[in-house]
Amino acid sequence: MTLQINGTPRSFETLHGIHDLVARLGLEPRMILVEHNGTALRRSEWDTTPLAEADRIEILQVAAGG
């Protein structure tokens, strides 16, 4: 499966939802926001949101600071 992640194509053998994608990318779930095909997702939706070929995923990393 190939997904567009932040505008860059990335291929994965199999994925079981957004939570699996986040884990495979080595990201800290508490520190990111995920948008799936233009829709912002709550973390509670990550396991139930199916992924399909050519889906667009935007991942924003939250940074603390001043």
PDB file of N, CA and C in Angstrom:
ATOM      1  N   MET A   1       0.843  -1.165   0.000  1.00  0.00           N
ATOM      2  CA  MET A   1       0.000   0.000   0.000  1.00  0.00           C
ATOM      3  C   MET A   1       0.895   1.237   0.000  1.00  0.00           C
ATOM      4  N   THR A   2       0.555   2.195  -0.839  1.00  0.00           N
ATOM      5  CA  THR A   2       1.294   3.454  -0.883  1.00  0.00           C
ATOM      6  C   THR A   2       0.390   4.566  -0.386  1.00  0.00           C
ATOM      7  N   LEU A   3       0.885   5.321   0.589  1.00  0.00           N
ATOM      8  CA  LEU A   3       0.169   6.451   1.161  1.00  0.00           C
ATOM      9  C   LEU A   3       0.951   7.726   0.887  1.00  0.00           C
ATOM     10  N   GLN A   4       0.263   8.832   0.805  1.00  0.00           N
ATOM     11  CA  GLN A   4       0.905  10.141   0.716  1.00  0.00           C
ATOM     12  C   GLN A   4       1.016  10.675   2.142  1.00  0.00           C
ATOM     13  N   ILE A   5       2.221  10.701   2.682  1.00  0.00           N
ATOM     14  CA  ILE A   5       2.420  11.176   4.048  1.00  0.00           C
ATOM     15  C   ILE A   5       3.149  12.510   3.984  1.00  0.00           C
ATOM     16  N   ASN A   6       2.445  13.549   4.409  1.00  0.00           N
ATOM     17  CA  ASN A   6       2.966  14.920   4.318  1.00  0.00           C
ATOM     18  C   ASN A   6       3.474  15.216   2.904  1.00  0.00           C
ATOM     19  N   GLY A   7       2.720  14.731   1.911  1.00  0.00           N
ATOM     20  CA  GLY A   7       3.030  15.015   0.513  1.00  0.00           C
ATOM     21  C   GLY A   7       4.056  14.103  -0.127  1.00  0.00           C
ATOM     22  N   THR A   8       4.588  13.146   0.627  1.00  0.00           N
ATOM     23  CA  THR A   8       5.602  12.243   0.110  1.00  0.00           C
ATOM     24  C   THR A   8       5.061  10.819   0.054  1.00  0.00           C
ATOM     25  N   PRO A   9       5.169  10.140  -1.092  1.00  0.00           N
ATOM     26  CA  PRO A   9       4.687   8.759  -1.158  1.00  0.00           C
ATOM     27  C   PRO A   9       5.543   7.835  -0.290  1.00  0.00           C
ATOM     28  N   ARG A  10       4.875   6.999   0.510  1.00  0.00           N
ATOM     29  CA  ARG A  10       5.560   6.006   1.343  1.00  0.00           C
ATOM     30  C   ARG A  10       4.836   4.686   1.175  1.00  0.00           C
ATOM     31  N   SER A  11       5.583   3.615   0.980  1.00  0.00           N
ATOM     32  CA  SER A  11       4.993   2.292   0.780  1.00  0.00           C
ATOM     33  C   SER A  11       5.117   1.453   2.043  1.00  0.00           C
ATOM     34  N   PHE A  12       4.051   0.688   2.309  1.00  0.00           N
ATOM     35  CA  PHE A  12       3.994  -0.200   3.462  1.00  0.00           C
ATOM     36  C   PHE A  12       3.401  -1.521   3.002  1.00  0.00           C
ATOM     37  N   GLU A  13       3.885  -2.610   3.592  1.00  0.00           N
ATOM     38  CA  GLU A  13       3.366  -3.926   3.219  1.00  0.00           C
ATOM     39  C   GLU A  13       1.921  -4.089   3.681  1.00  0.00           C
ATOM     40  N   THR A  14       1.672  -3.953   4.960  1.00  0.00           N
ATOM     41  CA  THR A  14       0.307  -4.000   5.501  1.00  0.00           C
ATOM     42  C   THR A  14       0.220  -3.027   6.664  1.00  0.00           C
ATOM     43  N   LEU A  15      -0.935  -2.419   6.813  1.00  0.00           N
ATOM     44  CA  LEU A  15      -1.176  -1.510   7.930  1.00  0.00           C
ATOM     45  C   LEU A  15      -2.555  -1.801   8.493  1.00  0.00           C
ATOM     46  N   HIS A  16      -2.676  -1.692   9.805  1.00  0.00           N
ATOM     47  CA  HIS A  16      -3.944  -1.935  10.480  1.00  0.00           C
ATOM     48  C   HIS A  16      -4.410  -0.648  11.139  1.00  0.00           C
ATOM     49  N   GLY A  17      -4.640   0.371  10.356  1.00  0.00           N
ATOM     50  CA  GLY A  17      -5.135   1.648  10.868  1.00  0.00           C
ATOM     51  C   GLY A  17      -4.032   2.657  11.142  1.00  0.00           C
ATOM     52  N   ILE A  18      -4.478   3.829  11.547  1.00  0.00           N
ATOM     53  CA  ILE A  18      -3.577   4.953  11.796  1.00  0.00           C
ATOM     54  C   ILE A  18      -2.618   4.655  12.944  1.00  0.00           C
ATOM     55  N   HIS A  19      -3.114   4.010  13.992  1.00  0.00           N
ATOM     56  CA  HIS A  19      -2.251   3.710  15.143  1.00  0.00           C
ATOM     57  C   HIS A  19      -1.050   2.865  14.710  1.00  0.00           C
ATOM     58  N   ASP A  20      -1.279   1.897  13.849  1.00  0.00           N
ATOM     59  CA  ASP A  20      -0.198   1.060  13.317  1.00  0.00           C
ATOM     60  C   ASP A  20       0.783   1.904  12.502  1.00  0.00           C
ATOM     61  N   LEU A  21       0.267   2.800  11.694  1.00  0.00           N
ATOM     62  CA  LEU A  21       1.125   3.692  10.899  1.00  0.00           C
ATOM     63  C   LEU A  21       2.009   4.544  11.808  1.00  0.00           C
ATOM     64  N   VAL A  22       1.416   5.139  12.821  1.00  0.00           N
ATOM     65  CA  VAL A  22       2.165   5.984  13.758  1.00  0.00           C
ATOM     66  C   VAL A  22       3.285   5.177  14.416  1.00  0.00           C
ATOM     67  N   ALA A  23       2.981   3.957  14.833  1.00  0.00           N
ATOM     68  CA  ALA A  23       3.993   3.092  15.460  1.00  0.00           C
ATOM     69  C   ALA A  23       5.116   2.769  14.483  1.00  0.00           C
ATOM     70  N   ARG A  24       4.768   2.437  13.256  1.00  0.00           N
ATOM     71  CA  ARG A  24       5.796   2.091  12.268  1.00  0.00           C
ATOM     72  C   ARG A  24       6.690   3.270  11.926  1.00  0.00           C
ATOM     73  N   LEU A  25       6.143   4.464  12.009  1.00  0.00           N
ATOM     74  CA  LEU A  25       6.947   5.659  11.742  1.00  0.00           C
ATOM     75  C   LEU A  25       7.775   6.063  12.959  1.00  0.00           C
ATOM     76  N   GLY A  26       7.567   5.380  14.087  1.00  0.00           N
ATOM     77  CA  GLY A  26       8.343   5.662  15.295  1.00  0.00           C
ATOM     78  C   GLY A  26       7.979   6.979  15.950  1.00  0.00           C
ATOM     79  N   LEU A  27       6.721   7.393  15.814  1.00  0.00           N
ATOM     80  CA  LEU A  27       6.284   8.663  16.379  1.00  0.00           C
ATOM     81  C   LEU A  27       5.630   8.469  17.737  1.00  0.00           C
ATOM     82  N   GLU A  28       5.753   9.464  18.578  1.00  0.00           N
ATOM     83  CA  GLU A  28       5.122   9.457  19.901  1.00  0.00           C
ATOM     84  C   GLU A  28       3.677   9.923  19.733  1.00  0.00           C
ATOM     85  N   PRO A  29       2.704   9.044  19.952  1.00  0.00           N
ATOM     86  CA  PRO A  29       1.301   9.398  19.720  1.00  0.00           C
ATOM     87  C   PRO A  29       0.822  10.647  20.465  1.00  0.00           C
ATOM     88  N   ARG A  30       1.332  10.862  21.656  1.00  0.00           N
ATOM     89  CA  ARG A  30       0.887  12.026  22.440  1.00  0.00           C
ATOM     90  C   ARG A  30       1.377  13.344  21.868  1.00  0.00           C
ATOM     91  N   MET A  31       2.342  13.296  20.954  1.00  0.00           N
ATOM     92  CA  MET A  31       2.959  14.516  20.449  1.00  0.00           C
ATOM     93  C   MET A  31       2.608  14.835  18.994  1.00  0.00           C
ATOM     94  N   ILE A  32       1.597  14.158  18.434  1.00  0.00           N
ATOM     95  CA  ILE A  32       1.257  14.419  17.042  1.00  0.00           C
ATOM     96  C   ILE A  32      -0.249  14.588  16.849  1.00  0.00           C
ATOM     97  N   LEU A  33      -0.581  15.237  15.757  1.00  0.00           N
ATOM     98  CA  LEU A  33      -1.952  15.353  15.274  1.00  0.00           C
ATOM     99  C   LEU A  33      -1.968  14.705  13.899  1.00  0.00           C
ATOM    100  N   VAL A  34      -3.044  13.978  13.591  1.00  0.00           N
ATOM    101  CA  VAL A  34      -3.126  13.262  12.317  1.00  0.00           C
ATOM    102  C   VAL A  34      -4.374  13.698  11.558  1.00  0.00           C
ATOM    103  N   GLU A  35      -4.161  13.969  10.274  1.00  0.00           N
ATOM    104  CA  GLU A  35      -5.253  14.281   9.365  1.00  0.00           C
ATOM    105  C   GLU A  35      -5.295  13.194   8.298  1.00  0.00           C
ATOM    106  N   HIS A  36      -6.487  12.649   8.058  1.00  0.00           N
ATOM    107  CA  HIS A  36      -6.666  11.557   7.092  1.00  0.00           C
ATOM    108  C   HIS A  36      -7.591  12.049   5.984  1.00  0.00           C
ATOM    109  N   ASN A  37      -7.061  12.183   4.774  1.00  0.00           N
ATOM    110  CA  ASN A  37      -7.843  12.661   3.621  1.00  0.00           C
ATOM    111  C   ASN A  37      -8.596  13.943   3.936  1.00  0.00           C
ATOM    112  N   GLY A  38      -7.927  14.866   4.613  1.00  0.00           N
ATOM    113  CA  GLY A  38      -8.504  16.175   4.888  1.00  0.00           C
ATOM    114  C   GLY A  38      -9.321  16.271   6.160  1.00  0.00           C
ATOM    115  N   THR A  39      -9.437  15.178   6.909  1.00  0.00           N
ATOM    116  CA  THR A  39     -10.215  15.171   8.149  1.00  0.00           C
ATOM    117  C   THR A  39      -9.298  14.935   9.340  1.00  0.00           C
ATOM    118  N   ALA A  40      -9.318  15.876  10.292  1.00  0.00           N
ATOM    119  CA  ALA A  40      -8.529  15.706  11.513  1.00  0.00           C
ATOM    120  C   ALA A  40      -9.144  14.582  12.338  1.00  0.00           C
ATOM    121  N   LEU A  41      -8.292  13.721  12.870  1.00  0.00           N
ATOM    122  CA  LEU A  41      -8.758  12.560  13.644  1.00  0.00           C
ATOM    123  C   LEU A  41      -8.429  12.706  15.118  1.00  0.00           C
ATOM    124  N   ARG A  42      -9.370  12.265  15.950  1.00  0.00           N
ATOM    125  CA  ARG A  42      -9.080  12.110  17.379  1.00  0.00           C
ATOM    126  C   ARG A  42      -8.274  10.827  17.542  1.00  0.00           C
ATOM    127  N   ARG A  43      -7.456  10.760  18.579  1.00  0.00           N
ATOM    128  CA  ARG A  43      -6.680   9.540  18.813  1.00  0.00           C
ATOM    129  C   ARG A  43      -7.590   8.329  18.965  1.00  0.00           C
ATOM    130  N   SER A  44      -8.772   8.529  19.510  1.00  0.00           N
ATOM    131  CA  SER A  44      -9.710   7.416  19.687  1.00  0.00           C
ATOM    132  C   SER A  44     -10.190   6.851  18.348  1.00  0.00           C
ATOM    133  N   GLU A  45     -10.001   7.574  17.263  1.00  0.00           N
ATOM    134  CA  GLU A  45     -10.407   7.120  15.935  1.00  0.00           C
ATOM    135  C   GLU A  45      -9.290   6.411  15.179  1.00  0.00           C
ATOM    136  N   TRP A  46      -8.089   6.438  15.705  1.00  0.00           N
ATOM    137  CA  TRP A  46      -6.933   5.895  14.983  1.00  0.00           C
ATOM    138  C   TRP A  46      -7.069   4.412  14.689  1.00  0.00           C
ATOM    139  N   ASP A  47      -7.607   3.638  15.615  1.00  0.00           N
ATOM    140  CA  ASP A  47      -7.715   2.185  15.403  1.00  0.00           C
ATOM    141  C   ASP A  47      -8.888   1.805  14.510  1.00  0.00           C
ATOM    142  N   THR A  48      -9.861   2.673  14.373  1.00  0.00           N
ATOM    143  CA  THR A  48     -11.053   2.334  13.602  1.00  0.00           C
ATOM    144  C   THR A  48     -11.100   3.002  12.231  1.00  0.00           C
ATOM    145  N   THR A  49     -10.102   3.807  11.911  1.00  0.00           N
ATOM    146  CA  THR A  49     -10.058   4.472  10.608  1.00  0.00           C
ATOM    147  C   THR A  49      -9.290   3.594   9.632  1.00  0.00           C
ATOM    148  N   PRO A  50      -9.974   3.030   8.632  1.00  0.00           N
ATOM    149  CA  PRO A  50      -9.274   2.174   7.678  1.00  0.00           C
ATOM    150  C   PRO A  50      -8.390   2.989   6.745  1.00  0.00           C
ATOM    151  N   LEU A  51      -7.325   2.368   6.299  1.00  0.00           N
ATOM    152  CA  LEU A  51      -6.430   2.988   5.325  1.00  0.00           C
ATOM    153  C   LEU A  51      -6.593   2.296   3.982  1.00  0.00           C
ATOM    154  N   ALA A  52      -6.488   3.073   2.913  1.00  0.00           N
ATOM    155  CA  ALA A  52      -6.603   2.531   1.564  1.00  0.00           C
ATOM    156  C   ALA A  52      -5.508   3.124   0.687  1.00  0.00           C
ATOM    157  N   GLU A  53      -5.232   2.450  -0.400  1.00  0.00           N
ATOM    158  CA  GLU A  53      -4.235   2.900  -1.370  1.00  0.00           C
ATOM    159  C   GLU A  53      -4.454   4.373  -1.705  1.00  0.00           C
ATOM    160  N   ALA A  54      -3.369   5.146  -1.695  1.00  0.00           N
ATOM    161  CA  ALA A  54      -3.324   6.559  -2.083  1.00  0.00           C
ATOM    162  C   ALA A  54      -3.994   7.500  -1.087  1.00  0.00           C
ATOM    163  N   ASP A  55      -4.314   7.023   0.129  1.00  0.00           N
ATOM    164  CA  ASP A  55      -4.836   7.935   1.143  1.00  0.00           C
ATOM    165  C   ASP A  55      -3.809   9.022   1.417  1.00  0.00           C
ATOM    166  N   ARG A  56      -4.308  10.208   1.773  1.00  0.00           N
ATOM    167  CA  ARG A  56      -3.446  11.338   2.122  1.00  0.00           C
ATOM    168  C   ARG A  56      -3.423  11.494   3.639  1.00  0.00           C
ATOM    169  N   ILE A  57      -2.243  11.402   4.213  1.00  0.00           N
ATOM    170  CA  ILE A  57      -2.053  11.532   5.656  1.00  0.00           C
ATOM    171  C   ILE A  57      -1.155  12.736   5.915  1.00  0.00           C
ATOM    172  N   GLU A  58      -1.616  13.629   6.765  1.00  0.00           N
ATOM    173  CA  GLU A  58      -0.788  14.740   7.216  1.00  0.00           C
ATOM    174  C   GLU A  58      -0.531  14.528   8.701  1.00  0.00           C
ATOM    175  N   ILE A  59       0.716  14.618   9.100  1.00  0.00           N
ATOM    176  CA  ILE A  59       1.101  14.423  10.495  1.00  0.00           C
ATOM    177  C   ILE A  59       1.788  15.697  10.966  1.00  0.00           C
ATOM    178  N   LEU A  60       1.231  16.276  12.017  1.00  0.00           N
ATOM    179  CA  LEU A  60       1.798  17.484  12.597  1.00  0.00           C
ATOM    180  C   LEU A  60       2.363  17.144  13.958  1.00  0.00           C
ATOM    181  N   GLN A  61       3.595  17.552  14.190  1.00  0.00           N
ATOM    182  CA  GLN A  61       4.229  17.285  15.472  1.00  0.00           C
ATOM    183  C   GLN A  61       4.039  18.484  16.376  1.00  0.00           C
ATOM    184  N   VAL A  62       3.552  18.235  17.573  1.00  0.00           N
ATOM    185  CA  VAL A  62       3.334  19.290  18.556  1.00  0.00           C
ATOM    186  C   VAL A  62       4.657  19.565  19.266  1.00  0.00           C
ATOM    187  N   ALA A  63       4.997  20.840  19.373  1.00  0.00           N
ATOM    188  CA  ALA A  63       6.238  21.213  20.053  1.00  0.00           C
ATOM    189  C   ALA A  63       5.939  22.257  21.110  1.00  0.00           C
ATOM    190  N   ALA A  64       6.423  22.010  22.306  1.00  0.00           N
ATOM    191  CA  ALA A  64       6.250  22.985  23.383  1.00  0.00           C
ATOM    192  C   ALA A  64       7.380  23.999  23.324  1.00  0.00           C
ATOM    193  N   GLY A  65       7.120  25.150  23.781  1.00  0.00           N
ATOM    194  CA  GLY A  65       8.176  26.158  23.799  1.00  0.00           C
ATOM    195  C   GLY A  65       7.570  27.548  23.856  1.00  0.00           C
ATOM    196  N   GLY A  66       8.446  28.496  23.820  1.00  0.00           N
ATOM    197  CA  GLY A  66       7.919  29.851  23.955  1.00  0.00           C
ATOM    198  C   GLY A  66       8.511  30.814  23.018  1.00  0.00           C
TER     199      GLY A  66
END
